[in-house]
């Protein structure tokens, strides 16, 4: 699973309509744009971030298992270990950048006058 795989589960109302063949120029219904409770079945913000962290952790665990297998001579190939470590590293960097953007957005909101 890619680190973006869990984020890909969040579909905006516009993208859902495009997938159903609806016209893109047509306005969205007011209920689709409400800022109240999320639609039934839509994952929450915390669950999306939790899934992202879980996916990154799973990639790192998988890379460690393959590397351990290579070091113990249990049949894993060296190139598989290097690829898994690179994937885990890129996933972690992506997660850190997402966190940085979220913190930056929060700080910007806190600086806004009321």
Protein backbone atom coordinates (compact mmCIF):
# COMPACT_ATOMS: atom_id res chain seq x y z
CA UNK A 1 0.00 0.00 0.00
CA UNK A 2 1.39 3.38 -0.90
CA UNK A 3 1.42 6.17 1.66
CA UNK A 4 -1.09 7.99 -0.49
CA UNK A 5 -3.34 4.96 -0.73
CA UNK A 6 -5.19 5.81 2.45
CA UNK A 7 -5.44 9.46 1.49
CA UNK A 8 -6.92 8.45 -1.86
CA UNK A 9 -10.01 7.15 -0.05
CA UNK A 10 -11.11 10.73 0.58
CA UNK A 11 -13.12 11.80 -2.45
CA UNK A 12 -14.53 15.30 -2.80
CA UNK A 13 -18.15 15.68 -3.92
CA UNK A 14 -17.00 17.14 -7.25
CA UNK A 15 -14.73 14.18 -8.01
CA UNK A 16 -17.49 11.77 -7.04
CA UNK A 17 -19.82 13.49 -9.50
CA UNK A 18 -17.22 13.39 -12.27
CA UNK A 19 -16.81 9.66 -11.70
CA UNK A 20 -20.59 9.25 -12.09
CA UNK A 21 -20.59 11.11 -15.39
CA UNK A 22 -22.16 14.33 -14.08
CA UNK A 23 -21.31 17.60 -15.75
CA UNK A 24 -18.40 19.41 -14.12
CA UNK A 25 -19.86 22.86 -14.85
CA UNK A 26 -23.07 22.11 -12.94
CA UNK A 27 -23.16 23.65 -9.45
CA UNK A 28 -22.89 21.41 -6.44
CA UNK A 29 -25.88 20.97 -4.21
CA UNK A 30 -25.69 23.06 -1.01
CA UNK A 31 -25.68 19.87 1.06
CA UNK A 32 -22.45 18.78 -0.66
CA UNK A 33 -20.73 22.00 0.37
CA UNK A 34 -21.94 22.19 3.97
CA UNK A 35 -19.31 22.61 6.63
CA UNK A 36 -21.31 20.70 9.24
CA UNK A 37 -20.96 16.99 9.84
CA UNK A 38 -19.19 14.94 7.17
CA UNK A 39 -21.30 12.75 4.88
CA UNK A 40 -22.15 9.29 6.13
CA UNK A 41 -19.31 6.88 5.42
CA UNK A 42 -16.71 9.63 4.87
CA UNK A 43 -13.54 9.07 6.90
CA UNK A 44 -12.62 11.75 9.41
CA UNK A 45 -9.49 13.85 9.27
CA UNK A 46 -7.88 12.00 12.17
CA UNK A 47 -8.57 8.61 10.59
CA UNK A 48 -6.99 9.73 7.30
CA UNK A 49 -3.84 10.86 9.12
CA UNK A 50 -3.86 7.72 11.24
CA UNK A 51 -4.04 5.57 8.12
CA UNK A 52 -1.16 7.54 6.59
CA UNK A 53 1.02 6.99 9.67
CA UNK A 54 0.07 3.29 9.75
CA UNK A 55 1.00 2.87 6.09
CA UNK A 56 4.40 4.51 6.64
CA UNK A 57 5.01 2.33 9.70
CA UNK A 58 4.09 -0.80 7.74
CA UNK A 59 6.53 0.14 4.97
CA UNK A 60 9.32 0.64 7.50
CA UNK A 61 8.56 -2.70 9.18
CA UNK A 62 8.55 -4.47 5.82
CA UNK A 63 11.89 -2.88 4.88
CA UNK A 64 13.39 -3.98 8.20
CA UNK A 65 12.17 -7.56 7.69
CA UNK A 66 13.66 -7.76 4.20
CA UNK A 67 16.95 -6.24 5.38
CA UNK A 68 17.12 -8.69 8.29
CA UNK A 69 16.45 -11.54 5.86
CA UNK A 70 19.31 -10.37 3.61
CA UNK A 71 21.73 -10.04 6.54
CA UNK A 72 20.87 -13.51 7.84
CA UNK A 73 21.15 -15.06 4.37
CA UNK A 74 17.57 -16.32 4.32
CA UNK A 75 17.05 -15.91 0.60
CA UNK A 76 16.04 -12.28 0.17
CA UNK A 77 17.86 -10.33 -2.52
CA UNK A 78 19.95 -7.25 -1.74
CA UNK A 79 18.22 -5.13 -4.37
CA UNK A 80 14.83 -5.90 -2.78
CA UNK A 81 16.17 -4.62 0.52
CA UNK A 82 17.53 -1.42 -1.01
CA UNK A 83 14.26 -0.75 -2.86
CA UNK A 84 12.18 -1.37 0.28
CA UNK A 85 14.40 0.95 2.32
CA UNK A 86 14.11 3.69 -0.31
CA UNK A 87 10.32 3.31 -0.44
CA UNK A 88 10.15 3.55 3.35
CA UNK A 89 12.40 6.61 3.32
CA UNK A 90 10.35 8.41 0.68
CA UNK A 91 7.13 7.55 2.52
CA UNK A 92 8.54 8.94 5.75
CA UNK A 93 9.70 12.14 4.02
CA UNK A 94 6.22 12.58 2.54
CA UNK A 95 4.63 12.14 5.95
CA UNK A 96 7.00 14.70 7.50
CA UNK A 97 6.19 17.21 4.73
CA UNK A 98 2.45 16.70 5.24
CA UNK A 99 2.95 17.28 8.96
CA UNK A 100 4.97 20.44 8.28
CA UNK A 101 2.23 21.80 6.00
CA UNK A 102 -0.43 21.05 8.61
CA UNK A 103 1.56 22.81 11.34
CA UNK A 104 2.18 25.76 9.03
CA UNK A 105 -1.54 25.96 8.21
CA UNK A 106 -2.47 25.82 11.89
CA UNK A 107 0.00 28.60 12.70
CA UNK A 108 -1.42 30.71 9.87
CA UNK A 109 -4.93 30.23 11.24
CA UNK A 110 -3.79 31.25 14.71
CA UNK A 111 -2.28 34.47 13.29
CA UNK A 112 -5.58 35.51 11.70
CA UNK A 113 -7.39 38.36 13.42
CA UNK A 114 -10.77 37.48 14.88
